[in-house]
């Protein structure tokens, strides 16, 4: 089935930026819509952003609109990204990638920590 590997998280000050990456190891994304999800401390995992397999349509949760941008490398079809700007402590979470709806095994995620 392959594996999803997220990276790019870290510690950033409020107002800062991070770029997350998602790699599909051992498979391609195929014709799936791909998405980013996150799970904050003591919270349920929630949807953040998604992109259709063609890349022509994007969808964002209201709380990230205008701040986050999702993209994917359709030439390779094995990489996806999330550019996160204007980060706030409310964005602190473990970020995961998967298809939308989620059909693959979840990866380890990448931790995003935002200091105020």
N, C-alpha and C. Protein backbone atom coordinates (compact mmCIF):
# COMPACT_ATOMS: atom_id res chain seq x y z
N UNK A 1 0.82 -1.21 0.00
CA UNK A 1 0.00 0.00 0.00
C UNK A 1 0.85 1.25 0.00
N UNK A 2 2.11 1.14 0.43
CA UNK A 2 2.96 2.32 0.48
C UNK A 2 2.80 3.04 1.80
N UNK A 3 3.54 4.12 1.92
CA UNK A 3 3.59 4.86 3.17
C UNK A 3 3.59 6.34 2.92
N UNK A 4 2.95 7.08 3.78
CA UNK A 4 2.96 8.53 3.72
C UNK A 4 3.94 9.05 4.76
N UNK A 5 4.79 9.97 4.34
CA UNK A 5 5.80 10.52 5.23
C UNK A 5 5.69 12.04 5.21
N UNK A 6 5.34 12.60 6.36
CA UNK A 6 5.23 14.05 6.49
C UNK A 6 6.51 14.61 7.09
N UNK A 7 6.86 15.83 6.68
CA UNK A 7 8.05 16.49 7.22
C UNK A 7 7.89 17.99 7.10
N UNK A 8 8.80 18.72 7.72
CA UNK A 8 8.81 20.17 7.61
C UNK A 8 8.29 20.92 8.82
N UNK A 9 7.76 20.19 9.79
CA UNK A 9 7.29 20.86 10.99
C UNK A 9 8.44 21.39 11.82
N UNK A 10 8.06 22.09 12.88
CA UNK A 10 9.08 22.64 13.76
C UNK A 10 8.50 23.69 14.67
N UNK A 11 9.39 24.44 15.30
CA UNK A 11 9.00 25.51 16.22
C UNK A 11 9.12 26.84 15.50
N UNK A 12 8.08 27.63 15.55
CA UNK A 12 8.08 28.93 14.89
C UNK A 12 7.35 29.93 15.78
N UNK A 13 7.72 31.17 15.68
CA UNK A 13 7.04 32.22 16.44
C UNK A 13 5.73 32.59 15.75
N UNK A 14 4.80 33.08 16.53
CA UNK A 14 3.53 33.54 15.97
C UNK A 14 3.80 34.55 14.85
N UNK A 15 3.07 34.38 13.75
CA UNK A 15 3.28 35.23 12.59
C UNK A 15 4.27 34.66 11.59
N UNK A 16 4.95 33.60 11.98
CA UNK A 16 5.95 32.99 11.11
C UNK A 16 5.34 32.03 10.11
N UNK A 17 6.22 31.38 9.36
CA UNK A 17 5.80 30.49 8.27
C UNK A 17 6.53 29.16 8.35
N UNK A 18 5.90 28.15 7.83
CA UNK A 18 6.50 26.84 7.66
C UNK A 18 5.97 26.23 6.36
N UNK A 19 6.76 25.35 5.77
CA UNK A 19 6.31 24.61 4.60
C UNK A 19 6.40 23.13 4.89
N UNK A 20 5.27 22.47 4.91
CA UNK A 20 5.21 21.05 5.17
C UNK A 20 5.27 20.28 3.86
N UNK A 21 5.85 19.10 3.92
CA UNK A 21 5.93 18.22 2.75
C UNK A 21 5.32 16.87 3.09
N UNK A 22 4.75 16.25 2.09
CA UNK A 22 4.19 14.91 2.23
C UNK A 22 4.72 14.08 1.07
N UNK A 23 5.37 12.99 1.40
CA UNK A 23 5.92 12.11 0.38
C UNK A 23 5.22 10.77 0.42
N UNK A 24 4.91 10.27 -0.75
CA UNK A 24 4.32 8.93 -0.85
C UNK A 24 5.45 7.96 -1.16
N UNK A 25 5.80 7.16 -0.19
CA UNK A 25 6.89 6.20 -0.36
C UNK A 25 6.32 4.87 -0.83
N UNK A 26 6.83 4.40 -1.95
CA UNK A 26 6.38 3.09 -2.43
C UNK A 26 5.09 3.13 -3.22
N UNK A 27 4.61 4.33 -3.54
CA UNK A 27 3.38 4.44 -4.33
C UNK A 27 3.30 5.86 -4.85
N UNK A 28 2.34 6.13 -5.71
CA UNK A 28 2.04 7.50 -6.11
C UNK A 28 0.69 7.88 -5.51
N UNK A 29 0.35 9.14 -5.61
CA UNK A 29 -0.96 9.57 -5.13
C UNK A 29 -2.07 9.11 -6.07
N UNK A 30 -1.70 8.71 -7.27
CA UNK A 30 -2.70 8.23 -8.20
C UNK A 30 -3.69 9.30 -8.55
N UNK A 31 -4.95 8.91 -8.67
CA UNK A 31 -5.99 9.85 -9.05
C UNK A 31 -6.79 10.34 -7.85
N UNK A 32 -6.19 10.25 -6.68
CA UNK A 32 -6.88 10.68 -5.47
C UNK A 32 -6.78 12.19 -5.27
N UNK A 33 -7.81 12.75 -4.69
CA UNK A 33 -7.67 14.07 -4.08
C UNK A 33 -6.85 13.86 -2.82
N UNK A 34 -5.92 14.76 -2.60
CA UNK A 34 -5.04 14.65 -1.44
C UNK A 34 -5.34 15.79 -0.49
N UNK A 35 -5.09 15.55 0.78
CA UNK A 35 -5.47 16.53 1.78
C UNK A 35 -4.49 16.56 2.94
N UNK A 36 -4.52 17.65 3.66
CA UNK A 36 -3.83 17.80 4.92
C UNK A 36 -4.87 17.82 6.03
N UNK A 37 -4.51 17.18 7.12
CA UNK A 37 -5.33 17.15 8.33
C UNK A 37 -4.43 17.53 9.49
N UNK A 38 -5.03 17.87 10.62
CA UNK A 38 -4.22 18.15 11.79
C UNK A 38 -4.96 17.71 13.05
N UNK A 39 -4.17 17.45 14.06
CA UNK A 39 -4.74 17.07 15.35
C UNK A 39 -4.02 17.83 16.44
N UNK A 40 -4.74 18.75 17.06
CA UNK A 40 -4.18 19.53 18.15
C UNK A 40 -4.28 18.79 19.47
N UNK A 41 -3.61 19.27 20.49
CA UNK A 41 -3.62 18.62 21.80
C UNK A 41 -5.04 18.47 22.34
N UNK A 42 -5.44 17.24 22.64
CA UNK A 42 -6.76 16.99 23.19
C UNK A 42 -7.91 17.20 22.22
N UNK A 43 -7.60 17.28 20.93
CA UNK A 43 -8.65 17.53 19.94
C UNK A 43 -8.76 16.37 18.96
N UNK A 44 -9.87 16.34 18.24
CA UNK A 44 -10.04 15.37 17.17
C UNK A 44 -9.23 15.81 15.95
N UNK A 45 -8.87 14.83 15.12
CA UNK A 45 -8.21 15.18 13.87
C UNK A 45 -9.20 15.94 12.99
N UNK A 46 -8.73 17.00 12.34
CA UNK A 46 -9.63 17.82 11.53
C UNK A 46 -9.03 18.10 10.16
N UNK A 47 -9.90 18.38 9.23
CA UNK A 47 -9.51 18.70 7.86
C UNK A 47 -8.89 20.10 7.81
N UNK A 48 -7.84 20.25 7.02
CA UNK A 48 -7.18 21.54 6.85
C UNK A 48 -7.31 22.04 5.42
N UNK A 49 -6.88 21.23 4.46
CA UNK A 49 -6.88 21.66 3.07
C UNK A 49 -6.82 20.44 2.16
N UNK A 50 -7.33 20.60 0.94
CA UNK A 50 -7.32 19.50 -0.02
C UNK A 50 -7.13 20.04 -1.42
N UNK A 51 -6.64 19.15 -2.29
CA UNK A 51 -6.45 19.50 -3.69
C UNK A 51 -6.88 18.32 -4.54
N UNK A 52 -7.60 18.58 -5.61
CA UNK A 52 -8.01 17.52 -6.52
C UNK A 52 -6.80 16.91 -7.21
N UNK A 53 -6.97 15.72 -7.78
CA UNK A 53 -5.81 15.05 -8.36
C UNK A 53 -5.25 15.80 -9.55
N UNK A 54 -6.09 16.60 -10.22
CA UNK A 54 -5.59 17.40 -11.33
C UNK A 54 -4.89 18.66 -10.85
N UNK A 55 -5.14 19.02 -9.61
CA UNK A 55 -4.58 20.25 -9.08
C UNK A 55 -5.41 21.48 -9.40
N UNK A 56 -6.51 21.29 -10.08
CA UNK A 56 -7.29 22.44 -10.53
C UNK A 56 -8.25 22.97 -9.47
N UNK A 57 -8.53 22.17 -8.45
CA UNK A 57 -9.45 22.59 -7.39
C UNK A 57 -8.79 22.44 -6.03
N UNK A 58 -8.97 23.46 -5.22
CA UNK A 58 -8.46 23.44 -3.85
C UNK A 58 -9.59 23.76 -2.88
N UNK A 59 -9.46 23.24 -1.69
CA UNK A 59 -10.48 23.42 -0.65
C UNK A 59 -9.75 23.68 0.65
N UNK A 60 -10.27 24.60 1.43
CA UNK A 60 -9.63 24.97 2.69
C UNK A 60 -10.66 25.06 3.80
N UNK A 61 -10.23 24.67 4.98
CA UNK A 61 -11.04 24.94 6.16
C UNK A 61 -11.07 26.45 6.38
N UNK A 62 -12.17 26.92 6.93
CA UNK A 62 -12.32 28.37 7.10
C UNK A 62 -11.19 28.96 7.93
N UNK A 63 -10.70 28.21 8.90
CA UNK A 63 -9.71 28.77 9.81
C UNK A 63 -8.32 28.93 9.18
N UNK A 64 -8.12 28.44 7.94
CA UNK A 64 -6.82 28.62 7.30
C UNK A 64 -6.90 29.40 5.99
N UNK A 65 -8.09 29.74 5.57
CA UNK A 65 -8.24 30.45 4.30
C UNK A 65 -7.44 31.75 4.31
N UNK A 66 -6.71 31.95 3.23
CA UNK A 66 -5.90 33.15 3.11
C UNK A 66 -4.54 33.06 3.77
N UNK A 67 -4.32 31.99 4.55
CA UNK A 67 -3.03 31.84 5.24
C UNK A 67 -2.25 30.62 4.75
N UNK A 68 -2.95 29.55 4.42
CA UNK A 68 -2.31 28.30 4.01
C UNK A 68 -2.55 28.08 2.52
N UNK A 69 -1.58 27.45 1.86
CA UNK A 69 -1.71 27.10 0.45
C UNK A 69 -1.26 25.67 0.25
N UNK A 70 -2.13 24.87 -0.36
CA UNK A 70 -1.80 23.48 -0.64
C UNK A 70 -1.33 23.37 -2.09
N UNK A 71 -0.37 22.51 -2.33
CA UNK A 71 0.10 22.28 -3.70
C UNK A 71 0.59 20.83 -3.80
N UNK A 72 0.73 20.37 -5.02
CA UNK A 72 1.23 19.03 -5.23
C UNK A 72 2.08 19.01 -6.49
N UNK A 73 3.01 18.08 -6.54
CA UNK A 73 3.90 17.94 -7.68
C UNK A 73 3.30 16.89 -8.60
N UNK A 74 2.51 17.32 -9.53
CA UNK A 74 1.82 16.35 -10.39
C UNK A 74 2.77 15.66 -11.36
N UNK A 75 3.91 16.27 -11.61
CA UNK A 75 4.87 15.64 -12.52
C UNK A 75 5.38 14.33 -11.90
N UNK A 76 5.60 14.37 -10.60
CA UNK A 76 6.07 13.17 -9.91
C UNK A 76 4.91 12.41 -9.29
N UNK A 77 3.89 13.14 -8.91
CA UNK A 77 2.71 12.57 -8.26
C UNK A 77 3.05 11.80 -7.00
N UNK A 78 4.11 12.22 -6.35
CA UNK A 78 4.49 11.59 -5.09
C UNK A 78 4.76 12.60 -4.00
N UNK A 79 4.60 13.89 -4.30
CA UNK A 79 4.89 14.92 -3.31
C UNK A 79 3.75 15.90 -3.21
N UNK A 80 3.48 16.34 -1.99
CA UNK A 80 2.46 17.35 -1.75
C UNK A 80 3.00 18.30 -0.69
N UNK A 81 2.51 19.53 -0.69
CA UNK A 81 3.04 20.54 0.20
C UNK A 81 1.92 21.34 0.86
N UNK A 82 2.27 21.96 1.97
CA UNK A 82 1.37 22.91 2.62
C UNK A 82 2.21 24.09 3.08
N UNK A 83 2.03 25.21 2.41
CA UNK A 83 2.68 26.45 2.83
C UNK A 83 1.80 27.11 3.86
N UNK A 84 2.36 27.35 5.04
CA UNK A 84 1.60 27.92 6.14
C UNK A 84 2.20 29.26 6.53
N UNK A 85 1.43 30.31 6.38
CA UNK A 85 1.86 31.66 6.74
C UNK A 85 1.02 32.20 7.88
N UNK A 86 1.50 33.24 8.51
CA UNK A 86 0.77 33.89 9.60
C UNK A 86 0.31 32.89 10.65
N UNK A 87 1.22 32.04 11.06
CA UNK A 87 0.87 31.01 12.02
C UNK A 87 0.55 31.61 13.38
N UNK A 88 -0.39 30.97 14.04
CA UNK A 88 -0.79 31.39 15.39
C UNK A 88 -0.72 30.19 16.32
N UNK A 89 -0.72 30.42 17.63
CA UNK A 89 -0.70 29.27 18.56
C UNK A 89 -1.86 28.31 18.33
N UNK A 90 -2.97 28.79 17.78
CA UNK A 90 -4.10 27.90 17.50
C UNK A 90 -3.79 26.89 16.39
N UNK A 91 -2.76 27.13 15.62
CA UNK A 91 -2.36 26.21 14.56
C UNK A 91 -1.45 25.09 15.06
N UNK A 92 -1.10 25.14 16.32
CA UNK A 92 -0.21 24.14 16.87
C UNK A 92 -0.89 22.78 16.87
N UNK A 93 -0.26 21.80 16.21
CA UNK A 93 -0.87 20.48 16.04
C UNK A 93 0.14 19.56 15.36
N UNK A 94 -0.23 18.30 15.28
CA UNK A 94 0.47 17.37 14.41
C UNK A 94 -0.27 17.37 13.09
N UNK A 95 0.47 17.56 12.03
CA UNK A 95 -0.13 17.65 10.70
C UNK A 95 0.12 16.36 9.94
N UNK A 96 -0.94 15.88 9.28
CA UNK A 96 -0.90 14.63 8.53
C UNK A 96 -1.40 14.86 7.11
N UNK A 97 -0.94 14.02 6.20
CA UNK A 97 -1.50 14.01 4.85
C UNK A 97 -2.18 12.67 4.61
N UNK A 98 -3.13 12.68 3.70
CA UNK A 98 -3.83 11.47 3.33
C UNK A 98 -4.70 11.81 2.13
N UNK A 99 -5.38 10.83 1.60
CA UNK A 99 -6.36 11.11 0.57
C UNK A 99 -7.58 11.74 1.22
N UNK A 100 -8.45 12.25 0.39
CA UNK A 100 -9.68 12.81 0.91
C UNK A 100 -10.85 12.17 0.18
N UNK A 101 -11.65 11.34 0.88
CA UNK A 101 -11.55 11.02 2.30
C UNK A 101 -10.35 10.14 2.57
N UNK A 102 -9.94 10.03 3.81
CA UNK A 102 -8.74 9.25 4.13
C UNK A 102 -8.92 7.77 3.81
N UNK A 103 -8.02 7.23 2.99
CA UNK A 103 -8.08 5.82 2.62
C UNK A 103 -6.77 5.09 2.89
N UNK A 104 -5.71 5.83 3.16
CA UNK A 104 -4.40 5.22 3.37
C UNK A 104 -4.07 5.17 4.85
N UNK A 105 -3.11 4.33 5.18
CA UNK A 105 -2.64 4.29 6.56
C UNK A 105 -2.03 5.63 6.92
N UNK A 106 -2.32 6.11 8.12
CA UNK A 106 -1.80 7.39 8.53
C UNK A 106 -0.30 7.29 8.79
N UNK A 107 0.42 8.35 8.40
CA UNK A 107 1.84 8.42 8.71
C UNK A 107 2.04 8.91 10.13
N UNK A 108 3.29 9.22 10.45
CA UNK A 108 3.63 9.69 11.79
C UNK A 108 3.22 11.14 12.00
N UNK A 109 3.04 11.86 10.93
CA UNK A 109 2.72 13.27 11.04
C UNK A 109 3.96 14.10 11.31
N UNK A 110 3.79 15.40 11.27
CA UNK A 110 4.88 16.31 11.59
C UNK A 110 4.37 17.37 12.55
N UNK A 111 5.10 17.59 13.61
CA UNK A 111 4.67 18.47 14.69
C UNK A 111 4.92 19.93 14.34
N UNK A 112 3.92 20.74 14.49
CA UNK A 112 4.05 22.19 14.32
C UNK A 112 3.79 22.84 15.67
N UNK A 113 4.76 23.59 16.14
CA UNK A 113 4.66 24.28 17.42
C UNK A 113 4.80 25.77 17.18
N UNK A 114 3.87 26.54 17.68
CA UNK A 114 3.87 27.99 17.47
C UNK A 114 3.93 28.68 18.83
N UNK A 115 4.96 29.47 19.02
CA UNK A 115 5.12 30.18 20.28
C UNK A 115 4.52 31.58 20.15
N UNK A 116 3.92 32.03 21.22
CA UNK A 116 3.28 33.35 21.19
C UNK A 116 4.24 34.43 21.64
